[in-house]
Amino acid sequence: MEILKGLPVSQGISIATAWLYIPKTPAVESRTVSSSQVKYEIAAFRAAQEEVEAHQRRIYEKTLKRLGEKNAEIFAAHIEMLRDEEFEKDVLNLIEKRRYTAMRAVKEYLDEAAAIMRNLPDPFLRERAGEFQDLQTNLLLAISHLPFTSLAKAPKDCIVVAHDLTPSETALIETRYIKGIVLSAGGLTGHVAILARNSGIPSVMGVPDVLAKVKNGDTVIIDGGQGEVIIEPDEETLNIYRAKKAEEEKLQQEYQELHGKPAETVDGQRVNLYSNIASPSDLYLVEENGSEGIGLFRSEFLFMKSSVEPGEEEQFDAYRKVLINMGERPVILRLADIGGDKNLPYIDIEKEANPFLGCRGVRLYQKYRDIFETQICAALRAAVSGNLRLMIPMVTAVEEVLFVREEVMRQAARLKRLGKNHNANIPIGVMIETPAAALIAPQLAKVSSFFSIGSNDLTQYVLAVDRSNIALSDMYDNLHPAVLRCIKLAVDAAKKEKIEVGVCGEIAGQMSAVPLLVGMGIDELSISGKRVGAVKRLIRSLDAVKCRGILEQVLELDNGKMVRELIKQELSL
């Protein structure tokens, strides 16, 4: 028996046999061709483009049908990439001027493009490097007249073990049959991770040398919550995890029975449970969870999905669709959190040494007024269709909030002059995700309609730990007393000014953190994936007075490990 550790990507227990997925890619020779052969290499490249485009369209249609528009968007982007004028021009130049083979030209161009993406600081964009590798692999296979690799051949009820999975490969996973995913690469924000969480497939990624340690047919246990992979467990360990899995299945039934019931502690403290979404196609998560609202609607998807800036009508349609679906339930739209770590082709943002501390979020709005004004207008118009609230990212000063409020008033006046239907009375809140925002929370609360605590960035800024750096994963701890103190500062300030305060970071769905948030008096928790049922069940078992007592104790402790031990001791979590 051997226990391997990795990143806990998707919670749950899985016990099944391993199936190793090691796709073969064609070898590419570093050679040139004669001038008379150039036309044949160009023809080979053109034919491969056609074949890969047809392949991507099939995957797009299949994904759209099975998993919805959001998961299918990536393949539409692949087709755009495949037909991108710059891509075609550069590959053809390598063939015509340097006399590269079609395979060498494709490989060198896309290797360089992937390397640029991997060096970006933003983890979401870094993991998009896999899309370039995906496109490269498919083109090389097509040029070589080899079949496209596929996970469709995976045996029923197996755990897929691989180095990494491309978006194309991920799309072919039959989620009904795959019992788990273990990767030696991968991260928390990649396409595989998102699919796994949304489908409820237990998954662990970033597991070193897993392909060298697991054989086809080995019995493997995945503990997605702990980030553990157990190879060939002994009978005692198997029995322990079988019992855990049985308890997990029993809990899933209990979660279903709680659908529509309030998240209220035994002594009557109510907490509203919302969902996080990235686009309208994520609305199914809201309905499946029985969520009472959307606590974080990330608007960046509109800005990052294409090479041109989204217009007012496109944004209006997307926001309106969500609001109509939600009815009277609140929807908190985060204004575009773009900047140095999210490079967009239509915004000329200077390269920064440290984009996480650079020109991003609200800091960008004054410089790129047209983009900001367009989004405000779209939101004001859409707000007629539902209960919309706006949230400002990356706030560090009161003046930033006042600037946004003034701009909302200005655009509302403009829409009125134009005779366009709109709602000028949108609540405007602040995302507490910087230490500065937490420390001046009393001042911010006076000019804000609500607070929402972004615990992911707040944790990395408070602890000075890059949350995407696997080497520092042990230091990234959102239950560190310093982080908890910052959250409490914001909650206390909100309570004093009688404004609502919620949490939209990952801490909102963590069982060990929820009692502390209840103890602070949080009004709402906005949760990713399918954790709403588990959080609701926990809250309904808690005593808020006891949670406040536990909170007082943990704030005096030295580190996150001690916090978890105390919570486990007091609440058996």
Protein backbone atom coordinates (compact mmCIF):
# COMPACT_ATOMS: atom_id res chain seq x y z
CA MET A 1 0.00 0.00 0.00
CA GLU A 2 1.25 3.47 -0.90
CA ILE A 3 -0.34 6.86 -0.16
CA LEU A 4 0.31 9.75 -2.57
CA LYS A 5 -0.57 13.39 -1.94
CA GLY A 6 -1.80 15.97 -4.43
CA LEU A 7 -4.19 18.90 -4.81
CA PRO A 8 -7.74 18.24 -3.53
CA VAL A 9 -9.62 19.29 -6.67
CA SER A 10 -13.04 17.63 -6.39
CA GLN A 11 -14.36 16.18 -3.14
CA GLY A 12 -15.66 12.68 -2.63
CA ILE A 13 -14.50 9.09 -2.07
CA SER A 14 -13.94 6.71 -4.97
CA ILE A 15 -12.78 3.08 -4.90
CA ALA A 16 -12.13 1.50 -8.30
CA THR A 17 -9.50 0.00 -10.58
CA ALA A 18 -6.97 2.22 -12.30
CA TRP A 19 -6.87 2.75 -16.05
CA LEU A 20 -3.72 4.43 -17.31
CA TYR A 21 -4.23 6.87 -20.15
CA ILE A 22 -0.94 7.48 -21.99
CA PRO A 23 -1.70 8.86 -25.45
CA LYS A 24 0.96 8.64 -28.12
CA THR A 25 1.89 11.70 -30.15
CA PRO A 26 3.80 11.59 -33.44
CA ALA A 27 7.54 12.25 -33.36
CA VAL A 28 8.50 15.46 -35.15
CA GLU A 29 11.81 15.62 -36.98
CA SER A 30 13.77 18.89 -37.07
CA ARG A 31 14.33 18.86 -40.81
CA THR A 32 13.67 21.05 -43.82
CA VAL A 33 12.27 20.19 -47.24
CA SER A 34 13.22 21.12 -50.77
CA SER A 35 11.54 24.06 -52.50
CA SER A 36 9.60 21.64 -54.71
CA GLN A 37 8.14 19.92 -51.62
CA VAL A 38 6.88 23.12 -49.97
CA LYS A 39 3.51 22.96 -51.77
CA TYR A 40 2.92 19.44 -50.44
CA GLU A 41 3.64 20.56 -46.85
CA ILE A 42 1.22 23.47 -47.27
CA ALA A 43 -1.40 21.08 -48.60
CA ALA A 44 -0.79 18.75 -45.63
CA PHE A 45 -1.29 21.65 -43.20
CA ARG A 46 -4.48 22.79 -44.96
CA ALA A 47 -5.91 19.26 -44.97
CA ALA A 48 -5.10 18.87 -41.26
CA GLN A 49 -6.88 22.14 -40.52
CA GLU A 50 -10.02 20.80 -42.20
CA GLU A 51 -9.86 17.47 -40.40
CA VAL A 52 -9.22 18.98 -36.96
CA GLU A 53 -11.97 21.57 -37.45
CA ALA A 54 -14.47 18.81 -38.25
CA HIS A 55 -13.27 16.87 -35.17
CA GLN A 56 -13.65 19.95 -32.93
CA ARG A 57 -17.14 20.64 -34.27
CA ARG A 58 -18.19 17.09 -33.38
CA ILE A 59 -16.81 17.53 -29.87
CA TYR A 60 -18.52 20.93 -29.58
CA GLU A 61 -21.91 19.48 -30.49
CA LYS A 62 -21.49 16.53 -28.15
CA THR A 63 -20.36 18.74 -25.26
CA LEU A 64 -23.14 21.25 -25.87
CA LYS A 65 -25.71 18.46 -25.67
CA ARG A 66 -24.24 16.75 -22.59
CA LEU A 67 -22.73 19.57 -20.52
CA GLY A 68 -24.18 22.84 -21.79
CA GLU A 69 -22.92 25.97 -23.49
CA LYS A 70 -20.31 26.93 -20.89
CA ASN A 71 -18.38 23.67 -21.25
CA ALA A 72 -18.74 23.73 -25.04
CA GLU A 73 -17.44 27.29 -25.44
CA ILE A 74 -13.84 26.16 -25.32
CA PHE A 75 -14.22 24.11 -28.51
CA ALA A 76 -15.75 27.02 -30.37
CA ALA A 77 -12.64 28.94 -29.28
CA HIS A 78 -10.45 26.10 -30.61
CA ILE A 79 -12.07 26.43 -34.02
CA GLU A 80 -11.48 30.19 -33.95
CA MET A 81 -7.85 29.57 -32.99
CA LEU A 82 -7.46 27.05 -35.79
CA ARG A 83 -8.64 29.64 -38.34
CA ASP A 84 -6.88 32.61 -36.75
CA GLU A 85 -5.23 34.68 -39.49
CA GLU A 86 -2.03 35.24 -37.50
CA PHE A 87 -1.70 31.53 -36.73
CA GLU A 88 -2.19 30.54 -40.38
CA LYS A 89 0.16 33.26 -41.62
CA ASP A 90 2.97 32.37 -39.21
CA VAL A 91 2.76 28.62 -39.82
CA LEU A 92 2.71 29.13 -43.61
CA ASN A 93 5.70 31.48 -43.34
CA LEU A 94 7.67 28.80 -41.50
CA ILE A 95 6.85 26.34 -44.29
CA GLU A 96 7.42 28.70 -47.22
CA LYS A 97 10.37 30.78 -46.04
CA ARG A 98 12.21 28.38 -43.73
CA ARG A 99 11.06 25.28 -45.61
CA TYR A 100 9.91 23.52 -42.45
CA THR A 101 7.74 20.45 -42.68
CA ALA A 102 4.11 21.07 -41.77
CA MET A 103 4.61 19.10 -38.56
CA ARG A 104 7.69 21.07 -37.52
CA ALA A 105 6.03 24.40 -38.27
CA VAL A 106 2.93 23.52 -36.25
CA LYS A 107 4.97 22.18 -33.34
CA GLU A 108 7.37 25.11 -33.07
CA TYR A 109 4.68 27.78 -33.37
CA LEU A 110 2.32 26.21 -30.82
CA ASP A 111 5.16 25.26 -28.44
CA GLU A 112 6.12 28.91 -28.30
CA ALA A 113 2.50 30.04 -27.82
CA ALA A 114 2.02 27.53 -24.98
CA ALA A 115 5.27 28.62 -23.32
CA ILE A 116 4.10 32.26 -23.30
CA MET A 117 0.84 31.23 -21.62
CA ARG A 118 2.62 29.06 -19.04
CA ASN A 119 4.72 32.03 -17.96
CA LEU A 120 1.71 34.24 -17.21
CA PRO A 121 1.04 34.86 -13.49
CA ASP A 122 -2.70 34.20 -13.61
CA PRO A 123 -3.42 30.50 -12.90
CA PHE A 124 -6.50 30.45 -15.14
CA LEU A 125 -4.52 31.75 -18.12
CA ARG A 126 -1.52 29.53 -17.35
CA GLU A 127 -3.70 26.47 -17.62
CA ARG A 128 -4.96 27.65 -21.00
CA ALA A 129 -1.52 26.65 -22.30
CA GLY A 130 -3.04 23.18 -22.48
CA GLU A 131 -5.38 24.40 -25.21
CA PHE A 132 -2.43 25.17 -27.47
CA GLN A 133 -0.98 21.73 -26.75
CA ASP A 134 -4.37 20.21 -27.47
CA LEU A 135 -4.57 21.93 -30.84
CA GLN A 136 -0.98 20.94 -31.61
CA THR A 137 -1.56 17.26 -30.81
CA ASN A 138 -4.66 17.07 -33.00
CA LEU A 139 -2.95 18.79 -35.93
CA LEU A 140 0.10 16.50 -35.68
CA LEU A 141 -2.12 13.42 -35.61
CA ALA A 142 -4.07 14.66 -38.63
CA ILE A 143 -0.91 15.44 -40.61
CA SER A 144 0.40 11.95 -39.75
CA HIS A 145 -2.92 10.33 -40.76
CA LEU A 146 -3.32 8.87 -37.27
CA PRO A 147 -6.60 8.63 -35.32
CA PHE A 148 -7.39 11.25 -32.68
CA THR A 149 -6.77 10.06 -29.12
CA SER A 150 -9.90 9.35 -27.11
CA LEU A 151 -11.01 8.59 -23.56
CA ALA A 152 -14.17 7.05 -24.95
CA LYS A 153 -12.42 3.66 -24.72
CA ALA A 154 -11.98 3.90 -20.95
CA PRO A 155 -13.47 0.82 -19.23
CA LYS A 156 -16.65 1.28 -17.24
CA ASP A 157 -16.28 2.26 -13.56
CA CYS A 158 -12.54 3.00 -13.69
CA ILE A 159 -10.33 5.70 -12.23
CA VAL A 160 -8.49 7.51 -15.02
CA VAL A 161 -4.80 8.04 -14.25
CA ALA A 162 -2.84 10.28 -16.61
CA HIS A 163 -0.20 12.97 -16.78
CA ASP A 164 -2.72 15.56 -17.94
CA LEU A 165 -5.89 15.75 -20.03
CA THR A 166 -6.50 18.21 -22.82
CA PRO A 167 -9.89 19.90 -23.19
CA SER A 168 -10.67 17.67 -26.20
CA GLU A 169 -9.88 14.54 -24.21
CA THR A 170 -11.82 15.77 -21.19
CA ALA A 171 -14.92 16.39 -23.30
CA LEU A 172 -15.04 12.72 -24.25
CA ILE A 173 -15.15 11.49 -20.65
CA GLU A 174 -18.38 9.65 -19.92
CA THR A 175 -19.07 11.15 -16.51
CA ARG A 176 -21.61 8.41 -15.70
CA TYR A 177 -18.90 5.74 -15.88
CA ILE A 178 -15.65 7.41 -14.77
CA LYS A 179 -15.33 7.03 -11.01
CA GLY A 180 -12.36 9.31 -10.46
CA ILE A 181 -9.48 11.23 -12.03
CA VAL A 182 -5.85 11.35 -10.90
CA LEU A 183 -3.33 13.52 -12.75
CA SER A 184 0.34 14.21 -12.20
CA ALA A 185 -0.20 17.68 -13.72
CA GLY A 186 -3.32 19.83 -13.64
CA GLY A 187 -4.53 22.45 -11.20
CA LEU A 188 -7.56 23.88 -9.44
CA THR A 189 -8.76 26.12 -12.26
CA GLY A 190 -8.27 23.94 -15.36
CA HIS A 191 -10.92 22.49 -17.65
CA VAL A 192 -10.62 19.03 -16.07
CA ALA A 193 -10.99 20.43 -12.55
CA ILE A 194 -14.12 22.38 -13.48
CA LEU A 195 -15.70 19.35 -15.18
CA ALA A 196 -14.86 17.13 -12.19
CA ARG A 197 -16.38 19.50 -9.63
CA ASN A 198 -19.50 20.18 -11.69
CA SER A 199 -19.99 16.45 -12.35
CA GLY A 200 -19.16 15.35 -8.80
CA ILE A 201 -16.22 13.14 -9.88
CA PRO A 202 -13.67 12.75 -7.04
CA SER A 203 -10.35 14.06 -8.35
CA VAL A 204 -6.80 14.69 -7.18
CA MET A 205 -4.25 16.50 -9.35
CA GLY A 206 -0.61 17.50 -9.13
CA VAL A 207 0.35 14.02 -7.87
CA PRO A 208 4.11 13.53 -8.53
CA ASP A 209 5.17 10.40 -10.49
CA VAL A 210 1.70 8.84 -10.29
CA LEU A 211 2.09 7.10 -13.67
CA ALA A 212 5.25 5.40 -12.45
CA LYS A 213 3.58 4.15 -9.27
CA VAL A 214 0.20 2.93 -10.55
CA LYS A 215 -0.36 -0.03 -12.89
CA ASN A 216 -3.41 -0.84 -14.99
CA GLY A 217 -5.87 -2.79 -12.87
CA ASP A 218 -4.51 -1.64 -9.50
CA THR A 219 -7.12 -0.96 -6.85
CA VAL A 220 -7.05 2.77 -6.10
CA ILE A 221 -8.83 4.89 -3.50
CA ILE A 222 -9.32 8.61 -4.12
CA ASP A 223 -10.07 10.92 -1.21
CA GLY A 224 -10.86 14.10 -3.12
CA GLY A 225 -11.38 16.16 0.03
CA GLN A 226 -7.96 15.35 1.48
CA GLY A 227 -6.07 15.20 -1.83
CA GLU A 228 -4.96 11.60 -1.20
CA VAL A 229 -4.53 8.69 -3.59
CA ILE A 230 -4.09 5.24 -2.01
CA ILE A 231 -2.62 2.53 -4.25
CA GLU A 232 -3.39 -1.16 -3.57
CA PRO A 233 -4.85 -0.56 -0.08
CA ASP A 234 -4.87 -3.33 2.48
CA GLU A 235 -8.17 -4.84 3.64
CA GLU A 236 -8.39 -2.68 6.76
CA THR A 237 -7.96 0.53 4.74
CA LEU A 238 -10.47 -0.67 2.15
CA ASN A 239 -13.06 -1.29 4.85
CA ILE A 240 -12.48 2.17 6.35
CA TYR A 241 -13.04 3.87 3.01
CA ARG A 242 -15.98 1.67 2.08
CA ALA A 243 -17.64 2.86 5.28
CA LYS A 244 -16.76 6.48 4.45
CA LYS A 245 -18.21 6.09 0.97
CA ALA A 246 -21.41 4.53 2.34
CA GLU A 247 -21.75 7.45 4.75
CA GLU A 248 -21.14 9.86 1.86
CA GLU A 249 -23.93 8.27 -0.20
CA LYS A 250 -26.26 8.43 2.77
CA LEU A 251 -25.45 12.13 3.18
CA GLN A 252 -26.19 12.80 -0.49
CA GLN A 253 -29.70 11.50 0.11
CA GLU A 254 -30.05 13.78 3.14
CA TYR A 255 -28.90 16.76 1.06
CA GLN A 256 -31.68 16.06 -1.44
CA GLU A 257 -34.24 15.96 1.35
CA LEU A 258 -33.08 19.42 2.51
CA HIS A 259 -33.79 20.94 -0.89
CA GLY A 260 -35.98 24.02 -0.37
CA LYS A 261 -35.48 24.12 3.40
CA PRO A 262 -33.65 27.06 5.05
CA ALA A 263 -30.06 26.96 6.33
CA GLU A 264 -30.85 27.86 9.92
CA THR A 265 -28.96 26.97 13.10
CA VAL A 266 -30.71 25.16 15.94
CA ASP A 267 -30.98 28.47 17.82
CA GLY A 268 -32.52 30.33 14.88
CA GLN A 269 -29.67 32.11 13.08
CA ARG A 270 -30.40 32.15 9.32
CA VAL A 271 -27.72 32.02 6.61
CA ASN A 272 -28.64 32.46 2.94
CA LEU A 273 -26.89 30.00 0.62
CA TYR A 274 -26.00 31.23 -2.87
CA SER A 275 -24.03 29.82 -5.80
CA ASN A 276 -21.03 31.12 -7.75
CA ILE A 277 -21.35 31.09 -11.55
CA ALA A 278 -19.08 32.09 -14.44
CA SER A 279 -21.68 32.38 -17.22
CA PRO A 280 -25.39 31.83 -17.94
CA SER A 281 -24.69 28.20 -18.79
CA ASP A 282 -23.83 27.57 -15.12
CA LEU A 283 -27.40 28.27 -14.04
CA TYR A 284 -28.11 24.54 -13.78
CA LEU A 285 -25.91 24.51 -10.64
CA VAL A 286 -28.22 27.04 -9.03
CA GLU A 287 -31.30 24.94 -9.66
CA GLU A 288 -29.66 21.62 -8.70
CA ASN A 289 -28.43 23.12 -5.43
CA GLY A 290 -31.67 24.91 -4.61
CA SER A 291 -29.63 28.10 -4.18
CA GLU A 292 -31.32 31.24 -2.90
CA GLY A 293 -29.31 33.54 -5.14
CA ILE A 294 -26.05 34.08 -7.02
CA GLY A 295 -23.39 35.52 -4.76
CA LEU A 296 -20.73 35.81 -7.45
CA PHE A 297 -21.45 36.17 -11.15
CA ARG A 298 -18.02 36.48 -12.74
CA SER A 299 -18.43 38.76 -15.75
CA GLU A 300 -14.90 38.05 -17.06
CA PHE A 301 -16.16 35.17 -19.23
CA LEU A 302 -17.58 37.71 -21.69
CA PHE A 303 -14.30 39.61 -21.89
CA MET A 304 -12.01 36.59 -22.24
CA LYS A 305 -13.89 34.33 -24.62
CA SER A 306 -13.12 36.23 -27.84
CA SER A 307 -10.57 38.51 -29.47
CA VAL A 308 -12.93 41.50 -29.56
CA GLU A 309 -14.43 43.56 -26.77
CA PRO A 310 -17.99 42.51 -25.85
CA GLY A 311 -20.50 45.18 -26.79
CA GLU A 312 -23.31 46.56 -24.68
CA GLU A 313 -25.97 44.37 -26.31
CA GLU A 314 -23.96 41.16 -25.84
CA GLN A 315 -23.45 41.93 -22.15
CA PHE A 316 -27.05 43.05 -21.71
CA ASP A 317 -28.32 39.76 -23.17
CA ALA A 318 -26.09 37.65 -20.90
CA TYR A 319 -26.97 39.52 -17.70
CA ARG A 320 -30.66 39.65 -18.57
CA LYS A 321 -30.78 35.91 -19.22
CA VAL A 322 -29.45 35.19 -15.73
CA LEU A 323 -31.75 37.70 -14.05
CA ILE A 324 -34.88 36.39 -15.77
CA ASN A 325 -33.95 32.85 -14.74
CA MET A 326 -33.40 33.92 -11.11
CA GLY A 327 -36.63 35.89 -10.76
CA GLU A 328 -36.65 37.76 -7.44
CA ARG A 329 -33.56 35.98 -6.14
CA PRO A 330 -30.49 38.29 -5.84
CA VAL A 331 -27.70 38.21 -8.42
CA ILE A 332 -24.38 39.84 -7.49
CA LEU A 333 -22.52 40.76 -10.68
CA ARG A 334 -18.83 41.36 -10.16
CA LEU A 335 -17.65 44.13 -12.45
CA ALA A 336 -14.95 42.89 -14.83
CA ASP A 337 -11.93 41.80 -12.82
CA ILE A 338 -9.47 42.10 -15.66
CA GLY A 339 -5.97 43.48 -15.68
CA GLY A 340 -2.30 42.64 -15.92
CA ASP A 341 -2.84 38.98 -15.04
CA LYS A 342 -5.69 38.59 -17.55
CA ASN A 343 -4.29 39.90 -20.81
CA LEU A 344 -6.92 40.75 -23.41
CA PRO A 345 -6.01 41.29 -27.07
CA TYR A 346 -8.12 44.45 -27.34
CA ILE A 347 -6.64 46.19 -24.27
CA ASP A 348 -3.08 47.46 -24.39
CA ILE A 349 -2.00 46.72 -20.82
CA GLU A 350 1.68 47.12 -20.10
CA LYS A 351 3.49 44.00 -18.93
CA GLU A 352 3.93 44.13 -15.16
CA ALA A 353 6.52 42.46 -12.95
CA ASN A 354 3.80 41.52 -10.45
CA PRO A 355 0.33 41.69 -12.04
CA PHE A 356 -1.43 40.49 -8.89
CA LEU A 357 -0.36 43.77 -7.31
CA GLY A 358 -0.72 45.76 -10.51
CA CYS A 359 -3.31 47.49 -12.66
CA ARG A 360 -6.35 45.24 -12.29
CA GLY A 361 -9.98 45.40 -11.21
CA VAL A 362 -11.23 48.87 -10.22
CA ARG A 363 -7.77 50.34 -10.86
CA LEU A 364 -8.32 49.80 -14.58
CA TYR A 365 -11.70 51.50 -14.87
CA GLN A 366 -10.51 55.10 -15.09
CA LYS A 367 -7.90 54.30 -17.74
CA TYR A 368 -10.31 52.26 -19.91
CA ARG A 369 -13.48 54.27 -19.37
CA ASP A 370 -15.23 53.04 -22.51
CA ILE A 371 -15.09 49.38 -21.41
CA PHE A 372 -16.24 50.26 -17.89
CA GLU A 373 -19.05 52.55 -19.09
CA THR A 374 -20.32 49.91 -21.53
CA GLN A 375 -20.56 47.32 -18.77
CA ILE A 376 -22.36 49.74 -16.43
CA CYS A 377 -24.93 50.59 -19.12
CA ALA A 378 -25.55 46.92 -19.89
CA ALA A 379 -25.99 46.16 -16.19
CA LEU A 380 -28.36 49.10 -15.57
CA ARG A 381 -30.54 48.03 -18.49
CA ALA A 382 -30.53 44.35 -17.47
CA ALA A 383 -31.40 45.27 -13.87
CA VAL A 384 -34.98 45.95 -14.96
CA SER A 385 -35.40 42.17 -15.32
CA GLY A 386 -34.45 41.10 -11.81
CA ASN A 387 -32.70 41.68 -8.50
CA LEU A 388 -29.25 42.81 -9.64
CA ARG A 389 -26.44 44.05 -7.41
CA LEU A 390 -23.02 45.29 -8.55
CA MET A 391 -19.77 44.39 -6.82
CA ILE A 392 -16.45 46.22 -7.17
CA PRO A 393 -13.25 44.09 -7.24
CA MET A 394 -9.76 44.93 -5.91
CA VAL A 395 -10.85 47.85 -3.71
CA THR A 396 -8.26 49.47 -1.44
CA ALA A 397 -9.71 52.97 -0.95
CA VAL A 398 -13.02 54.75 -0.32
CA GLU A 399 -12.38 56.97 -3.37
CA GLU A 400 -12.61 53.93 -5.66
CA VAL A 401 -16.11 53.14 -4.42
CA LEU A 402 -17.22 56.74 -4.81
CA PHE A 403 -15.84 56.80 -8.36
CA VAL A 404 -17.92 53.76 -9.33
CA ARG A 405 -21.03 55.15 -7.67
CA GLU A 406 -20.65 58.45 -9.52
CA GLU A 407 -20.16 56.64 -12.82
CA VAL A 408 -23.31 54.55 -12.27
CA MET A 409 -25.28 57.77 -11.67
CA ARG A 410 -23.74 59.36 -14.79
CA GLN A 411 -24.59 56.42 -17.02
CA ALA A 412 -28.10 56.18 -15.57
CA ALA A 413 -28.64 59.83 -16.51
CA ARG A 414 -27.32 59.13 -20.01
CA LEU A 415 -29.68 56.16 -20.47
CA LYS A 416 -32.57 58.34 -19.29
CA ARG A 417 -31.72 60.97 -21.92
CA LEU A 418 -31.63 58.23 -24.56
CA GLY A 419 -35.01 56.91 -23.44
CA LYS A 420 -33.65 53.45 -22.65
CA ASN A 421 -35.38 51.44 -19.95
CA HIS A 422 -33.08 50.89 -16.94
CA ASN A 423 -32.94 50.64 -13.14
CA ALA A 424 -30.75 53.33 -11.59
CA ASN A 425 -31.18 52.07 -8.02
CA ILE A 426 -28.82 49.11 -8.05
CA PRO A 427 -27.13 48.27 -4.73
CA ILE A 428 -23.34 48.70 -5.10
CA GLY A 429 -21.07 46.68 -2.86
CA VAL A 430 -17.40 45.98 -2.27
CA MET A 431 -15.44 42.77 -2.62
CA ILE A 432 -13.23 42.53 0.46
CA GLU A 433 -10.20 40.77 -0.99
CA THR A 434 -7.26 42.98 -0.02
CA PRO A 435 -5.84 43.55 3.47
CA ALA A 436 -6.40 47.29 2.91
CA ALA A 437 -10.13 46.75 2.35
CA ALA A 438 -10.38 44.65 5.51
CA LEU A 439 -8.49 47.22 7.58
CA ILE A 440 -10.59 50.18 6.39
CA ALA A 441 -13.83 48.18 6.36
CA PRO A 442 -15.52 50.67 8.78
CA GLN A 443 -14.97 53.49 6.24
CA LEU A 444 -15.95 51.33 3.24
CA ALA A 445 -19.13 50.18 4.96
CA LYS A 446 -20.36 53.80 5.07
CA VAL A 447 -20.31 54.05 1.25
CA SER A 448 -21.28 50.45 0.37
CA SER A 449 -24.61 48.67 0.09
CA PHE A 450 -23.06 45.30 1.01
CA PHE A 451 -19.76 43.45 1.47
CA SER A 452 -18.72 40.16 -0.11
CA ILE A 453 -15.49 38.61 1.15
CA GLY A 454 -13.28 37.08 -1.53
CA SER A 455 -11.34 34.72 0.71
CA ASN A 456 -9.12 33.27 -2.04
CA ASP A 457 -7.27 36.48 -2.88
CA LEU A 458 -7.56 37.79 0.68
CA THR A 459 -5.72 34.70 1.92
CA GLN A 460 -2.90 35.01 -0.59
CA TYR A 461 -2.45 38.72 0.08
CA VAL A 462 -2.58 38.42 3.87
CA LEU A 463 -0.14 35.48 3.93
CA ALA A 464 2.00 36.66 0.98
CA VAL A 465 1.55 33.23 -0.63
CA ASP A 466 0.82 32.70 -4.34
CA ARG A 467 -2.22 30.43 -4.26
CA SER A 468 -1.31 28.92 -7.64
CA ASN A 469 2.16 27.85 -6.50
CA ILE A 470 2.01 24.12 -5.69
CA ALA A 471 5.33 24.34 -3.83
CA LEU A 472 3.68 26.72 -1.33
CA SER A 473 0.36 24.88 -1.06
CA ASP A 474 0.96 23.98 2.60
CA MET A 475 1.38 27.68 3.45
CA TYR A 476 -1.81 28.78 1.68
CA ASP A 477 -4.27 28.38 4.55
CA ASN A 478 -7.51 30.33 4.71
CA LEU A 479 -8.02 29.22 8.32
CA HIS A 480 -4.85 30.98 9.43
CA PRO A 481 -5.84 33.23 12.37
CA ALA A 482 -4.54 36.30 10.46
CA VAL A 483 -6.99 35.61 7.63
CA LEU A 484 -9.85 34.96 10.05
CA ARG A 485 -9.14 38.23 11.86
CA CYS A 486 -9.34 40.16 8.57
CA ILE A 487 -12.67 38.50 7.73
CA LYS A 488 -14.02 39.36 11.17
CA LEU A 489 -12.97 43.01 10.78
CA ALA A 490 -15.08 43.23 7.63
CA VAL A 491 -18.06 41.41 9.17
CA ASP A 492 -18.03 43.60 12.28
CA ALA A 493 -17.89 46.78 10.18
CA ALA A 494 -20.81 45.60 8.03
CA LYS A 495 -22.89 44.74 11.08
CA LYS A 496 -22.25 48.15 12.62
CA GLU A 497 -23.51 49.91 9.47
CA LYS A 498 -26.36 47.40 9.08
CA ILE A 499 -25.36 46.25 5.59
CA GLU A 500 -25.35 42.61 4.42
CA VAL A 501 -22.07 40.70 4.40
CA GLY A 502 -21.35 37.46 2.59
CA VAL A 503 -18.46 35.23 1.57
CA CYS A 504 -17.90 34.16 -2.04
CA GLY A 505 -14.45 32.51 -1.77
CA GLU A 506 -13.70 28.80 -1.40
CA ILE A 507 -13.83 29.07 2.40
CA ALA A 508 -17.65 29.36 2.09
CA GLY A 509 -17.87 25.65 1.20
CA GLN A 510 -15.32 24.30 3.69
CA MET A 511 -16.83 22.31 6.54
CA SER A 512 -14.21 23.38 9.07
CA ALA A 513 -14.67 27.07 8.19
CA VAL A 514 -18.48 27.29 8.16
CA PRO A 515 -18.92 27.22 11.99
CA LEU A 516 -16.48 30.14 12.30
CA LEU A 517 -18.34 32.13 9.64
CA VAL A 518 -21.62 31.40 11.44
CA GLY A 519 -19.97 32.57 14.65
CA MET A 520 -19.03 35.84 12.97
CA GLY A 521 -22.65 36.39 11.90
CA ILE A 522 -22.25 36.06 8.13
CA ASP A 523 -25.52 36.76 6.26
CA GLU A 524 -24.80 34.64 3.18
CA LEU A 525 -22.38 32.10 1.80
CA SER A 526 -21.87 31.75 -1.96
CA ILE A 527 -20.57 28.31 -2.83
CA SER A 528 -18.85 26.78 -5.84
CA GLY A 529 -19.94 23.48 -7.42
CA LYS A 530 -22.30 21.16 -5.60
CA ARG A 531 -21.45 21.85 -1.94
CA VAL A 532 -24.62 23.75 -1.01
CA GLY A 533 -26.38 20.66 0.39
CA ALA A 534 -23.43 19.73 2.62
CA VAL A 535 -23.12 23.27 3.97
CA LYS A 536 -26.87 23.51 4.62
CA ARG A 537 -26.90 20.25 6.55
CA LEU A 538 -23.98 21.42 8.68
CA ILE A 539 -25.52 24.81 9.47
CA ARG A 540 -28.78 23.16 10.55
CA SER A 541 -26.80 21.14 13.11
CA LEU A 542 -24.90 24.09 14.59
CA ASP A 543 -25.59 26.24 17.64
CA ALA A 544 -24.66 29.85 16.76
CA VAL A 545 -23.87 30.74 20.39
CA LYS A 546 -21.43 27.83 20.61
CA CYS A 547 -19.90 28.87 17.25
CA ARG A 548 -19.24 32.36 18.64
CA GLY A 549 -17.45 30.82 21.60
CA ILE A 550 -15.29 28.66 19.34
CA LEU A 551 -14.49 31.70 17.19
CA GLU A 552 -13.21 33.63 20.21
CA GLN A 553 -10.85 30.76 20.98
CA VAL A 554 -9.47 30.21 17.48
CA LEU A 555 -8.63 33.89 16.96
CA GLU A 556 -6.08 33.52 19.76
CA LEU A 557 -4.37 30.46 18.24
CA ASP A 558 -1.05 30.38 16.39
CA ASN A 559 -1.84 28.72 13.08
CA GLY A 560 -4.45 27.04 10.87
CA LYS A 561 -3.54 23.54 12.02
CA MET A 562 -4.40 24.45 15.62
CA VAL A 563 -7.66 26.03 14.39
CA ARG A 564 -8.69 22.80 12.66
CA GLU A 565 -7.79 20.68 15.67
CA LEU A 566 -9.93 22.84 17.96
CA ILE A 567 -12.91 22.75 15.58
CA LYS A 568 -12.59 18.97 15.25
CA GLN A 569 -12.43 18.63 19.01
CA GLU A 570 -15.43 20.90 19.65
CA LEU A 571 -17.69 19.84 16.77
CA SER A 572 -16.32 16.44 15.63
CA LEU A 573 -15.81 17.73 12.06
